[in-house]
Amino acid sequence: MAKKRRIFAWSPLRALMKKSGARIVSREAVEQLLYYLEDRSKKLTVMALKFAKHSKRKKITKGDMGLAIEYL
């Protein structure tokens, strides 16, 4: 079975989890967090793009992303 190409890197995310206090982290736990972060990032980007288009812009700005984070 072919591996799915991930957007976020596995190792830095695992290191972040350890830095946050999780001494032992399973591969499945990291994968679950990866799926969540990718899904959340896609939803935020779609919402930020709607805000940009509403303002008649093509570029997503920091303000658009901030609004998307507040909205979702």
N, C-alpha and C. Protein backbone atom coordinates (compact mmCIF):
# COMPACT_ATOMS: atom_id res chain seq x y z
N MET A 1 0.84 -1.18 0.00
CA MET A 1 0.00 0.00 0.00
C MET A 1 0.89 1.25 0.00
N ALA A 2 0.58 2.19 -0.85
CA ALA A 2 1.35 3.42 -0.96
C ALA A 2 1.04 4.35 0.20
N LYS A 3 2.07 5.01 0.68
CA LYS A 3 1.89 5.97 1.77
C LYS A 3 1.32 7.26 1.23
N LYS A 4 0.42 7.87 2.00
CA LYS A 4 -0.15 9.15 1.62
C LYS A 4 0.85 10.25 1.96
N ARG A 5 1.05 11.14 1.03
CA ARG A 5 1.97 12.26 1.25
C ARG A 5 1.34 13.25 2.22
N ARG A 6 2.02 13.52 3.30
CA ARG A 6 1.54 14.42 4.34
C ARG A 6 2.00 15.85 4.07
N ILE A 7 1.19 16.78 4.47
CA ILE A 7 1.54 18.20 4.34
C ILE A 7 2.47 18.61 5.48
N PHE A 8 2.12 18.21 6.70
CA PHE A 8 2.92 18.53 7.87
C PHE A 8 3.94 17.41 8.09
N ALA A 9 5.11 17.78 8.54
CA ALA A 9 6.15 16.80 8.82
C ALA A 9 5.86 16.08 10.13
N TRP A 10 6.09 14.80 10.15
CA TRP A 10 5.77 13.95 11.29
C TRP A 10 6.71 14.23 12.47
N SER A 11 8.01 14.26 12.22
CA SER A 11 8.99 14.39 13.31
C SER A 11 8.88 15.69 14.11
N PRO A 12 8.77 16.85 13.46
CA PRO A 12 8.63 18.07 14.26
C PRO A 12 7.36 18.09 15.10
N LEU A 13 6.28 17.50 14.57
CA LEU A 13 5.05 17.46 15.33
C LEU A 13 5.21 16.57 16.56
N ARG A 14 5.87 15.44 16.38
CA ARG A 14 6.13 14.55 17.51
C ARG A 14 7.01 15.25 18.55
N ALA A 15 8.02 15.97 18.07
CA ALA A 15 8.90 16.71 18.99
C ALA A 15 8.11 17.77 19.76
N LEU A 16 7.17 18.42 19.10
CA LEU A 16 6.32 19.42 19.76
C LEU A 16 5.47 18.77 20.84
N MET A 17 4.93 17.59 20.54
CA MET A 17 4.14 16.88 21.54
C MET A 17 4.99 16.51 22.75
N LYS A 18 6.21 16.07 22.50
CA LYS A 18 7.11 15.72 23.60
C LYS A 18 7.48 16.96 24.41
N LYS A 19 7.72 18.06 23.70
CA LYS A 19 8.08 19.31 24.38
C LYS A 19 6.93 19.79 25.26
N SER A 20 5.71 19.42 24.88
CA SER A 20 4.53 19.81 25.65
C SER A 20 4.29 18.90 26.85
N GLY A 21 5.16 17.91 27.02
CA GLY A 21 5.07 17.07 28.21
C GLY A 21 4.74 15.61 27.96
N ALA A 22 4.43 15.24 26.73
CA ALA A 22 4.11 13.84 26.43
C ALA A 22 5.42 13.08 26.22
N ARG A 23 5.83 12.32 27.20
CA ARG A 23 7.11 11.62 27.14
C ARG A 23 7.11 10.50 26.10
N ILE A 24 6.02 9.75 26.05
CA ILE A 24 5.91 8.65 25.10
C ILE A 24 4.71 8.93 24.20
N VAL A 25 4.96 8.97 22.90
CA VAL A 25 3.92 9.30 21.93
C VAL A 25 3.87 8.21 20.87
N SER A 26 2.69 7.61 20.68
CA SER A 26 2.56 6.56 19.67
C SER A 26 2.47 7.16 18.27
N ARG A 27 2.83 6.37 17.30
CA ARG A 27 2.74 6.78 15.91
C ARG A 27 1.29 7.13 15.56
N GLU A 28 0.36 6.35 16.08
CA GLU A 28 -1.06 6.58 15.80
C GLU A 28 -1.54 7.93 16.36
N ALA A 29 -1.02 8.30 17.51
CA ALA A 29 -1.38 9.58 18.11
C ALA A 29 -0.89 10.74 17.24
N VAL A 30 0.31 10.63 16.74
CA VAL A 30 0.86 11.67 15.87
C VAL A 30 0.05 11.73 14.58
N GLU A 31 -0.27 10.57 14.01
CA GLU A 31 -1.07 10.52 12.78
C GLU A 31 -2.44 11.18 12.99
N GLN A 32 -3.07 10.91 14.12
CA GLN A 32 -4.38 11.49 14.42
C GLN A 32 -4.29 13.01 14.48
N LEU A 33 -3.25 13.52 15.12
CA LEU A 33 -3.05 14.97 15.21
C LEU A 33 -2.77 15.55 13.82
N LEU A 34 -2.02 14.83 13.00
CA LEU A 34 -1.74 15.28 11.63
C LEU A 34 -3.03 15.42 10.83
N TYR A 35 -3.90 14.41 10.91
CA TYR A 35 -5.17 14.47 10.20
C TYR A 35 -5.99 15.68 10.65
N TYR A 36 -6.03 15.90 11.96
CA TYR A 36 -6.79 17.02 12.50
C TYR A 36 -6.23 18.36 12.01
N LEU A 37 -4.91 18.53 12.09
CA LEU A 37 -4.30 19.79 11.69
C LEU A 37 -4.50 20.07 10.20
N GLU A 38 -4.38 19.03 9.38
CA GLU A 38 -4.58 19.21 7.94
C GLU A 38 -6.03 19.60 7.64
N ASP A 39 -6.96 18.92 8.27
CA ASP A 39 -8.38 19.22 8.05
C ASP A 39 -8.71 20.63 8.51
N ARG A 40 -8.25 20.99 9.69
CA ARG A 40 -8.50 22.32 10.24
C ARG A 40 -7.87 23.41 9.36
N SER A 41 -6.66 23.16 8.87
CA SER A 41 -5.98 24.13 8.01
C SER A 41 -6.73 24.35 6.71
N LYS A 42 -7.26 23.28 6.13
CA LYS A 42 -8.04 23.40 4.89
C LYS A 42 -9.29 24.23 5.13
N LYS A 43 -10.00 23.95 6.23
CA LYS A 43 -11.23 24.69 6.54
C LYS A 43 -10.95 26.17 6.77
N LEU A 44 -9.87 26.47 7.49
CA LEU A 44 -9.50 27.86 7.76
C LEU A 44 -9.14 28.59 6.47
N THR A 45 -8.43 27.90 5.58
CA THR A 45 -8.03 28.52 4.32
C THR A 45 -9.24 28.82 3.45
N VAL A 46 -10.18 27.89 3.38
CA VAL A 46 -11.41 28.11 2.60
C VAL A 46 -12.17 29.32 3.15
N MET A 47 -12.29 29.40 4.46
CA MET A 47 -13.00 30.52 5.07
C MET A 47 -12.26 31.84 4.84
N ALA A 48 -10.94 31.83 4.98
CA ALA A 48 -10.14 33.05 4.76
C ALA A 48 -10.26 33.49 3.30
N LEU A 49 -10.32 32.54 2.38
CA LEU A 49 -10.48 32.87 0.97
C LEU A 49 -11.84 33.53 0.72
N LYS A 50 -12.86 33.09 1.41
CA LYS A 50 -14.18 33.73 1.28
C LYS A 50 -14.13 35.18 1.74
N PHE A 51 -13.42 35.42 2.84
CA PHE A 51 -13.28 36.80 3.32
C PHE A 51 -12.50 37.65 2.32
N ALA A 52 -11.45 37.10 1.73
CA ALA A 52 -10.66 37.83 0.74
C ALA A 52 -11.51 38.15 -0.49
N LYS A 53 -12.26 37.15 -0.98
CA LYS A 53 -13.10 37.38 -2.15
C LYS A 53 -14.20 38.40 -1.87
N HIS A 54 -14.73 38.38 -0.66
CA HIS A 54 -15.74 39.36 -0.28
C HIS A 54 -15.17 40.78 -0.36
N SER A 55 -13.88 40.91 -0.07
CA SER A 55 -13.20 42.20 -0.14
C SER A 55 -12.63 42.47 -1.54
N LYS A 56 -13.02 41.62 -2.50
CA LYS A 56 -12.58 41.75 -3.90
C LYS A 56 -11.07 41.66 -4.04
N ARG A 57 -10.49 40.72 -3.29
CA ARG A 57 -9.05 40.45 -3.38
C ARG A 57 -8.83 38.98 -3.68
N LYS A 58 -7.66 38.69 -4.27
CA LYS A 58 -7.27 37.31 -4.52
C LYS A 58 -6.33 36.80 -3.43
N LYS A 59 -5.61 37.73 -2.83
CA LYS A 59 -4.62 37.37 -1.81
C LYS A 59 -5.26 37.26 -0.43
N ILE A 60 -4.96 36.18 0.26
CA ILE A 60 -5.41 36.02 1.64
C ILE A 60 -4.44 36.78 2.54
N THR A 61 -4.97 37.65 3.36
CA THR A 61 -4.14 38.45 4.26
C THR A 61 -4.18 37.89 5.68
N LYS A 62 -3.34 38.44 6.51
CA LYS A 62 -3.33 38.07 7.93
C LYS A 62 -4.69 38.36 8.55
N GLY A 63 -5.30 39.45 8.16
CA GLY A 63 -6.62 39.82 8.67
C GLY A 63 -7.69 38.80 8.28
N ASP A 64 -7.61 38.32 7.03
CA ASP A 64 -8.55 37.30 6.58
C ASP A 64 -8.41 36.04 7.41
N MET A 65 -7.18 35.64 7.65
CA MET A 65 -6.94 34.43 8.42
C MET A 65 -7.40 34.63 9.87
N GLY A 66 -7.17 35.81 10.41
CA GLY A 66 -7.62 36.11 11.77
C GLY A 66 -9.15 36.02 11.88
N LEU A 67 -9.83 36.55 10.89
CA LEU A 67 -11.29 36.48 10.87
C LEU A 67 -11.76 35.02 10.77
N ALA A 68 -11.09 34.26 9.92
CA ALA A 68 -11.44 32.84 9.76
C ALA A 68 -11.25 32.08 11.07
N ILE A 69 -10.18 32.38 11.78
CA ILE A 69 -9.92 31.71 13.06
C ILE A 69 -11.00 32.08 14.06
N GLU A 70 -11.39 33.34 14.09
CA GLU A 70 -12.46 33.77 15.00
C GLU A 70 -13.79 33.13 14.64
N TYR A 71 -14.07 33.07 13.34
CA TYR A 71 -15.35 32.55 12.87
C TYR A 71 -15.49 31.06 13.13
N LEU A 72 -14.40 30.32 12.88
CA LEU A 72 -14.47 28.88 13.09
C LEU A 72 -14.06 28.57 14.50
